Amino acid sequence: MPKFISPLLDRLSLRWVPLLGALALSGCSSVDYYGQLLGGQYALLSSREPVAEIVANPAQNPQLRKRLALSQQARDFASSALALPDNNSYRLYADIKRPFVVWNVFATPEFSLEPELYCFPIAGCVAYRGFYDQNRARGAKALLQLQGLDTYMGGVEAYSTLGWFDDPILNTMLRWRDQRLVAVIFHELTHQKLYVPGDTAFNESFATFVEQQGWRQWHQAHPDSAAQAPNQQVLKQRAEFTELVLASRERLKTLYASGQTPEQMRTGKQAEFEQLRRNYRALRDSQWGGTGAYDSWIEAPMNNAKLLPFGLYDHWVTAFAVLFEQANGDWTKFYAQAAKIGALNPDERKARLEQLQQAAAPQSAHDTKH
């Protein structure tokens, strides 16, 4: 099973909104698929136990107790300082005895970057289907390939139920370093605060901004914490790699809209993937000292579906940063304004976010001068 790699692609594997409470089946989903969702979620809920009891028990593993104690500091801070929901989510722990909680399967047509969408009663339409069992995910992927679709499968370490259940800290999350564990708790609780069905870029950018700003405030309040700030060089490389992939995706869109024959597009598609690899190697060798975290991903087989997750998590982050500044750093006002934008129709919502994004440009130029 191809695994999302650190430090960028593991972030892309984090988010999955399970479609629970959805007993009314949609036309595109089978009873069997919903059955595995409900069964998998029930098994997860059944394995939860209070974090406070584990931390207070000296017979428990010391490292487990230490990491869970940190999670509770972050959990308290999320509600007290960031005005995020104050409930029992992330105050429970579940060891599910496997490295991923679910596996996501993405698919696109051979000559398109538009994902196959799956629509559900709670989450709206999303660009993947999630499976609690890896073999089920592999089977679904194989069936999609038989239909001539490009496919990709990645493991997921954590997800949000949008407040429908008390989401636990999972053993899969404790493999992360402290900074990421703290930040993801902020991110997932943000989905409970505001979620717009069917608009992944809005939801993830919103949660990513809260995660980033929340982390900055956490770090200021806990300067002696072992949860250190992310390495700036790693962040720079992550951004540069994302830019390469997004540029490749735009060139592919142009190719697919060109009206060429299938054979010509098939040849052009493979040529573009090779171009992406050459661009990556050139960047790595000229600016990264010849080593890169994305070597295994870039050298593995490539298709449209593999490119889908890029850009979803930070597309509107700058817009939300401007909105936060306009709210004078008041979280309650910020959330209220974000909710107003979320309530707009898709075209109006996009226009408002673009307006906010553009408002950041003069400020960026001013900062550069100083």
Protein backbone atom coordinates (compact mmCIF):
# COMPACT_ATOMS: atom_id res chain seq x y z
CA MET A 1 0.00 0.00 0.00
CA PRO A 2 1.54 3.34 -0.99
CA LYS A 3 1.96 5.46 2.13
CA PHE A 4 1.76 9.23 2.33
CA ILE A 5 5.25 10.44 3.18
CA SER A 6 6.55 12.98 5.68
CA PRO A 7 6.61 15.89 6.08
CA LEU A 8 4.01 17.14 3.55
CA LEU A 9 2.08 14.12 2.43
CA ASP A 10 1.45 12.83 5.93
CA ARG A 11 -0.54 16.04 6.49
CA LEU A 12 -2.59 15.23 3.44
CA SER A 13 -3.50 11.87 4.92
CA LEU A 14 -4.82 13.29 8.16
CA ARG A 15 -8.29 14.38 7.32
CA TRP A 16 -11.28 12.18 6.79
CA VAL A 17 -14.86 12.93 7.75
CA PRO A 18 -16.67 9.64 8.36
CA LEU A 19 -20.22 9.62 7.16
CA LEU A 20 -21.87 8.51 10.34
CA GLY A 21 -25.42 8.93 11.51
CA ALA A 22 -26.19 8.57 7.80
CA LEU A 23 -28.67 5.76 7.94
CA ALA A 24 -30.45 7.13 4.87
CA LEU A 25 -28.29 5.78 2.07
CA SER A 26 -27.41 7.90 -0.94
CA GLY A 27 -27.86 6.50 -4.40
CA CYS A 28 -24.13 6.16 -5.07
CA SER A 29 -23.36 4.19 -1.92
CA SER A 30 -24.13 0.60 -1.09
CA VAL A 31 -25.49 -0.88 2.11
CA ASP A 32 -22.25 -2.84 2.39
CA TYR A 33 -20.14 0.33 2.26
CA TYR A 34 -22.17 2.04 4.97
CA GLY A 35 -22.07 -1.15 6.98
CA GLN A 36 -18.27 -1.15 7.11
CA LEU A 37 -18.31 2.55 8.07
CA LEU A 38 -20.69 1.98 10.95
CA GLY A 39 -18.93 -1.21 12.05
CA GLY A 40 -15.51 0.42 11.97
CA GLN A 41 -16.67 3.45 13.91
CA TYR A 42 -18.42 1.27 16.49
CA ALA A 43 -15.23 -0.73 17.04
CA LEU A 44 -13.26 2.48 17.51
CA LEU A 45 -15.79 3.93 19.98
CA SER A 46 -15.80 0.68 21.92
CA SER A 47 -12.03 0.85 22.47
CA ARG A 48 -11.99 4.33 24.07
CA GLU A 49 -10.95 4.98 27.65
CA PRO A 50 -10.58 8.25 29.59
CA VAL A 51 -7.19 9.89 29.16
CA ALA A 52 -7.28 11.18 32.75
CA GLU A 53 -7.39 7.63 34.10
CA ILE A 54 -4.39 6.55 31.99
CA VAL A 55 -2.33 9.59 32.98
CA ALA A 56 -3.14 9.03 36.67
CA ASN A 57 -2.23 5.34 36.59
CA PRO A 58 1.48 4.78 37.48
CA ALA A 59 1.28 1.23 36.08
CA GLN A 60 0.77 2.60 32.56
CA ASN A 61 3.64 3.15 30.12
CA PRO A 62 5.47 6.35 31.21
CA GLN A 63 5.90 7.59 27.63
CA LEU A 64 2.21 7.05 26.88
CA ARG A 65 1.27 8.98 30.01
CA LYS A 66 3.63 11.83 29.07
CA ARG A 67 2.26 12.19 25.52
CA LEU A 68 -1.35 11.99 26.69
CA ALA A 69 -0.67 14.59 29.39
CA LEU A 70 0.59 16.93 26.67
CA SER A 71 -2.53 16.27 24.61
CA GLN A 72 -4.70 17.35 27.53
CA GLN A 73 -2.75 20.59 27.99
CA ALA A 74 -3.39 21.32 24.32
CA ARG A 75 -7.03 20.25 24.66
CA ASP A 76 -7.61 22.65 27.58
CA PHE A 77 -5.85 25.46 25.71
CA ALA A 78 -8.01 24.90 22.63
CA SER A 79 -11.18 25.73 24.53
CA SER A 80 -9.87 28.32 26.99
CA ALA A 81 -7.67 30.35 24.62
CA LEU A 82 -8.93 29.58 21.10
CA ALA A 83 -12.69 29.40 21.85
CA LEU A 84 -12.93 25.92 20.31
CA PRO A 85 -15.65 23.48 21.43
CA ASP A 86 -15.47 22.40 25.07
CA ASN A 87 -16.58 18.78 24.97
CA ASN A 88 -15.22 15.29 25.52
CA SER A 89 -13.46 14.99 22.15
CA TYR A 90 -9.73 14.26 22.55
CA ARG A 91 -10.19 13.57 26.26
CA LEU A 92 -10.39 9.85 25.48
CA TYR A 93 -7.76 7.46 24.14
CA ALA A 94 -8.13 4.48 21.80
CA ASP A 95 -5.46 2.00 20.79
CA ILE A 96 -6.77 0.48 17.57
CA LYS A 97 -3.76 -1.86 17.15
CA ARG A 98 -2.95 -0.77 13.60
CA PRO A 99 -0.89 2.00 11.96
CA PHE A 100 -3.81 3.75 10.21
CA VAL A 101 -7.39 4.22 11.27
CA VAL A 102 -8.75 4.25 7.69
CA TRP A 103 -7.49 4.13 4.10
CA ASN A 104 -8.74 6.70 1.57
CA VAL A 105 -9.20 5.84 -2.11
CA PHE A 106 -9.12 8.65 -4.71
CA ALA A 107 -10.05 8.33 -8.39
CA THR A 108 -10.10 10.51 -11.51
CA PRO A 109 -10.80 9.92 -15.21
CA GLU A 110 -7.73 9.18 -17.32
CA PHE A 111 -7.75 12.64 -18.90
CA SER A 112 -9.10 14.83 -16.11
CA LEU A 113 -8.06 16.18 -12.74
CA GLU A 114 -11.66 16.32 -11.54
CA PRO A 115 -12.13 13.70 -8.81
CA GLU A 116 -14.84 11.11 -8.68
CA LEU A 117 -17.16 12.56 -6.04
CA TYR A 118 -19.04 10.63 -3.38
CA CYS A 119 -21.99 12.42 -1.80
CA PHE A 120 -23.32 11.70 1.66
CA PRO A 121 -26.01 13.10 3.97
CA ILE A 122 -23.67 14.79 6.49
CA ALA A 123 -20.37 15.63 4.88
CA GLY A 124 -21.68 16.59 1.46
CA CYS A 125 -19.63 15.58 -1.56
CA VAL A 126 -16.02 14.52 -1.04
CA ALA A 127 -13.27 13.34 -3.39
CA TYR A 128 -12.60 9.96 -1.81
CA ARG A 129 -14.08 6.98 -0.02
CA GLY A 130 -12.67 5.77 3.28
CA PHE A 131 -12.34 2.17 4.45
CA TYR A 132 -11.52 0.83 7.89
CA ASP A 133 -10.12 -2.35 6.37
CA GLN A 134 -7.07 -2.09 4.11
CA ASN A 135 -8.11 -5.07 1.99
CA ARG A 136 -11.51 -3.48 1.33
CA ALA A 137 -9.73 -0.32 0.20
CA ARG A 138 -7.50 -2.33 -2.13
CA GLY A 139 -10.54 -4.07 -3.58
CA ALA A 140 -12.34 -0.76 -4.18
CA LYS A 141 -9.22 0.64 -5.82
CA ALA A 142 -8.96 -2.38 -8.14
CA LEU A 143 -12.61 -2.04 -9.21
CA LEU A 144 -12.08 1.62 -10.06
CA GLN A 145 -9.01 0.72 -12.11
CA LEU A 146 -11.09 -1.79 -14.06
CA GLN A 147 -13.32 1.13 -15.02
CA GLY A 148 -10.30 2.85 -16.58
CA LEU A 149 -9.88 5.39 -13.79
CA ASP A 150 -6.65 6.69 -12.29
CA THR A 151 -6.54 5.72 -8.60
CA TYR A 152 -4.55 6.39 -5.45
CA MET A 153 -4.78 5.03 -1.90
CA GLY A 154 -3.34 6.54 1.27
CA GLY A 155 -3.44 5.74 4.96
CA VAL A 156 -5.16 8.11 7.41
CA GLU A 157 -3.94 8.55 10.99
CA ALA A 158 -6.77 10.69 12.42
CA TYR A 159 -10.17 12.12 11.51
CA SER A 160 -13.06 14.18 12.78
CA THR A 161 -16.68 13.15 13.19
CA LEU A 162 -17.65 16.85 13.27
CA GLY A 163 -18.87 16.54 16.85
CA TRP A 164 -21.27 13.66 16.26
CA PHE A 165 -19.14 11.53 18.59
CA ASP A 166 -16.42 12.18 21.17
CA ASP A 167 -13.37 11.69 18.97
CA PRO A 168 -10.44 10.06 20.78
CA ILE A 169 -6.70 10.54 20.69
CA LEU A 170 -5.55 7.51 18.67
CA ASN A 171 -2.39 5.46 19.00
CA THR A 172 -1.74 6.40 15.36
CA MET A 173 -1.43 10.06 16.41
CA LEU A 174 1.15 9.40 19.10
CA ARG A 175 3.80 8.62 16.47
CA TRP A 176 3.88 12.33 15.69
CA ARG A 177 6.24 14.75 17.35
CA ASP A 178 4.79 17.01 20.04
CA GLN A 179 4.26 20.08 17.86
CA ARG A 180 2.16 18.18 15.36
CA LEU A 181 0.09 16.44 18.02
CA VAL A 182 -0.81 19.80 19.57
CA ALA A 183 -1.57 21.43 16.22
CA VAL A 184 -3.78 18.62 14.93
CA ILE A 185 -5.95 18.73 18.04
CA PHE A 186 -6.60 22.40 17.24
CA HIS A 187 -7.26 21.53 13.58
CA GLU A 188 -9.75 18.75 14.23
CA LEU A 189 -11.69 20.72 16.85
CA THR A 190 -11.99 23.54 14.31
CA HIS A 191 -13.97 21.20 12.04
CA GLN A 192 -16.46 20.88 14.90
CA LYS A 193 -16.68 24.67 15.14
CA LEU A 194 -17.49 25.24 11.47
CA TYR A 195 -17.85 22.86 8.53
CA VAL A 196 -19.34 23.67 5.12
CA PRO A 197 -20.57 20.48 3.40
CA GLY A 198 -18.95 19.92 0.03
CA ASP A 199 -16.28 22.67 0.25
CA THR A 200 -13.05 20.91 1.17
CA ALA A 201 -10.78 23.87 0.36
CA PHE A 202 -12.78 26.18 2.67
CA ASN A 203 -12.95 23.66 5.50
CA GLU A 204 -9.30 22.63 5.42
CA SER A 205 -7.91 26.13 4.88
CA PHE A 206 -10.04 27.43 7.76
CA ALA A 207 -8.87 24.65 10.07
CA THR A 208 -5.26 25.05 8.92
CA PHE A 209 -5.30 28.76 9.77
CA VAL A 210 -6.72 28.06 13.24
CA GLU A 211 -4.12 25.31 13.69
CA GLN A 212 -1.26 27.64 12.73
CA GLN A 213 -2.42 30.70 14.68
CA GLY A 214 -3.39 28.50 17.60
CA TRP A 215 0.07 26.95 17.60
CA ARG A 216 1.70 30.40 17.66
CA GLN A 217 -0.37 31.36 20.69
CA TRP A 218 0.30 28.02 22.37
CA HIS A 219 4.03 28.41 21.84
CA GLN A 220 3.99 31.90 23.32
CA ALA A 221 2.10 30.62 26.37
CA HIS A 222 4.35 27.54 26.75
CA PRO A 223 7.88 28.69 25.81
CA ASP A 224 9.46 25.86 27.79
CA SER A 225 7.36 23.14 26.17
CA ALA A 226 9.11 20.28 24.42
CA ALA A 227 6.79 20.95 21.47
CA GLN A 228 9.16 23.03 19.39
CA ALA A 229 8.25 25.09 16.33
CA PRO A 230 8.51 23.36 12.94
CA ASN A 231 11.84 23.53 11.16
CA GLN A 232 11.70 26.51 8.78
CA GLN A 233 13.78 24.73 6.15
CA VAL A 234 11.31 21.84 6.17
CA LEU A 235 8.41 24.27 5.75
CA LYS A 236 10.19 26.01 2.89
CA GLN A 237 10.82 22.74 1.07
CA ARG A 238 7.22 21.68 1.63
CA ALA A 239 5.94 24.90 0.04
CA GLU A 240 8.34 24.64 -2.90
CA PHE A 241 7.40 21.03 -3.56
CA THR A 242 3.69 21.87 -3.44
CA GLU A 243 4.27 24.66 -5.98
CA LEU A 244 5.94 22.17 -8.35
CA VAL A 245 3.02 19.77 -8.15
CA LEU A 246 0.39 22.48 -8.57
CA ALA A 247 2.21 23.85 -11.62
CA SER A 248 2.30 20.35 -13.11
CA ARG A 249 -1.41 19.98 -12.44
CA GLU A 250 -2.15 23.22 -14.31
CA ARG A 251 -0.15 22.04 -17.32
CA LEU A 252 -2.08 18.78 -17.31
CA LYS A 253 -5.38 20.68 -17.25
CA THR A 254 -4.26 22.55 -20.36
CA LEU A 255 -3.30 19.28 -22.05
CA TYR A 256 -6.64 17.63 -21.28
CA ALA A 257 -8.53 20.63 -22.67
CA SER A 258 -6.47 20.71 -25.88
CA GLY A 259 -8.71 18.47 -27.96
CA GLN A 260 -5.88 16.10 -28.89
CA THR A 261 -6.50 12.42 -29.56
CA PRO A 262 -6.43 10.00 -26.61
CA GLU A 263 -3.07 8.63 -27.75
CA GLN A 264 -1.58 12.11 -27.99
CA MET A 265 -2.88 13.04 -24.54
CA ARG A 266 -1.64 9.75 -23.10
CA THR A 267 1.85 10.48 -24.43
CA GLY A 268 1.70 14.09 -23.22
CA LYS A 269 0.53 12.99 -19.80
CA GLN A 270 3.52 10.71 -19.26
CA ALA A 271 5.84 13.42 -20.62
CA GLU A 272 4.44 15.84 -18.02
CA PHE A 273 5.06 13.40 -15.19
CA GLU A 274 8.65 13.05 -16.34
CA GLN A 275 8.93 16.83 -16.47
CA LEU A 276 7.67 17.03 -12.88
CA ARG A 277 10.35 14.53 -11.83
CA ARG A 278 13.08 16.52 -13.63
CA ASN A 279 11.90 19.77 -12.04
CA TYR A 280 11.95 18.16 -8.62
CA ARG A 281 15.44 16.74 -9.04
CA ALA A 282 16.74 20.10 -10.26
CA LEU A 283 15.24 21.89 -7.24
CA ARG A 284 16.52 19.25 -4.84
CA ASP A 285 20.05 19.25 -6.23
CA SER A 286 20.41 23.02 -6.68
CA GLN A 287 18.70 24.32 -3.53
CA TRP A 288 18.21 21.45 -1.08
CA GLY A 289 21.75 20.13 -0.98
CA GLY A 290 20.96 17.01 -3.00
CA THR A 291 18.62 15.44 -0.44
CA GLY A 292 14.84 15.60 -0.40
CA ALA A 293 12.00 14.18 1.66
CA TYR A 294 9.91 13.50 -1.43
CA ASP A 295 12.22 11.22 -3.41
CA SER A 296 10.20 8.04 -2.92
CA TRP A 297 6.92 9.77 -3.79
CA ILE A 298 8.25 11.41 -6.93
CA GLU A 299 9.93 8.25 -8.25
CA ALA A 300 6.91 6.02 -7.67
CA PRO A 301 4.24 5.50 -10.38
CA MET A 302 2.32 8.70 -11.12
CA ASN A 303 -1.25 9.45 -12.18
CA ASN A 304 -3.91 12.14 -11.89
CA ALA A 305 -5.41 10.81 -8.66
CA LYS A 306 -2.07 11.02 -6.89
CA LEU A 307 -2.06 14.79 -7.42
CA LEU A 308 -5.54 15.43 -6.01
CA PRO A 309 -4.80 16.27 -2.36
CA PHE A 310 -2.34 19.07 -3.12
CA GLY A 311 -3.46 22.63 -2.45
CA LEU A 312 -6.57 21.74 -0.43
CA TYR A 313 -5.13 22.53 2.98
CA ASP A 314 -3.74 26.01 2.43
CA HIS A 315 -5.58 27.51 -0.54
CA TRP A 316 -7.44 30.14 1.54
CA VAL A 317 -5.19 30.35 4.61
CA THR A 318 -4.09 33.90 3.75
CA ALA A 319 -7.72 34.97 3.40
CA PHE A 320 -8.52 33.67 6.87
CA ALA A 321 -5.42 35.41 8.24
CA VAL A 322 -6.79 38.72 6.92
CA LEU A 323 -10.20 37.93 8.42
CA PHE A 324 -8.57 37.24 11.80
CA GLU A 325 -6.73 40.56 11.61
CA GLN A 326 -9.98 42.35 10.76
CA ALA A 327 -11.49 40.75 13.90
CA ASN A 328 -8.57 42.23 15.90
CA GLY A 329 -7.52 38.76 16.98
CA ASP A 330 -10.85 38.10 18.69
CA TRP A 331 -11.58 34.42 18.13
CA THR A 332 -15.34 34.72 18.73
CA LYS A 333 -15.68 37.53 16.18
CA PHE A 334 -13.44 35.67 13.74
CA TYR A 335 -15.55 32.50 13.91
CA ALA A 336 -18.74 34.51 13.44
CA GLN A 337 -17.36 36.21 10.32
CA ALA A 338 -16.08 32.90 8.93
CA ALA A 339 -19.52 31.37 9.47
CA LYS A 340 -21.10 34.20 7.47
CA ILE A 341 -18.75 33.47 4.57
CA GLY A 342 -19.50 29.75 4.88
CA ALA A 343 -23.23 30.47 4.59
CA LEU A 344 -22.82 32.18 1.20
CA ASN A 345 -23.48 30.28 -1.99
CA PRO A 346 -20.34 28.74 -3.53
CA ASP A 347 -19.71 31.53 -6.05
CA GLU A 348 -20.22 34.31 -3.51
CA ARG A 349 -18.07 32.45 -1.00
CA LYS A 350 -15.22 32.12 -3.46
CA ALA A 351 -15.48 35.80 -4.43
CA ARG A 352 -15.37 36.89 -0.76
CA LEU A 353 -12.33 34.70 -0.05
CA GLU A 354 -10.58 36.04 -3.15
CA GLN A 355 -11.29 39.58 -1.94
CA LEU A 356 -9.70 38.79 1.42
CA GLN A 357 -6.76 37.10 -0.28
CA GLN A 358 -6.13 40.16 -2.42
CA ALA A 359 -6.33 42.42 0.63
CA ALA A 360 -3.27 40.65 1.99
CA ALA A 361 -1.08 41.62 -0.99
CA PRO A 362 -0.47 45.28 -0.04
CA GLN A 363 0.39 44.24 3.51
CA SER A 364 2.85 41.64 2.21
CA ALA A 365 4.53 44.30 0.05
CA HIS A 366 4.73 46.63 3.05
CA ASP A 367 6.31 43.92 5.17
CA THR A 368 8.88 43.24 2.45
CA LYS A 369 9.98 46.89 2.42
CA HIS A 370 10.56 46.81 6.13
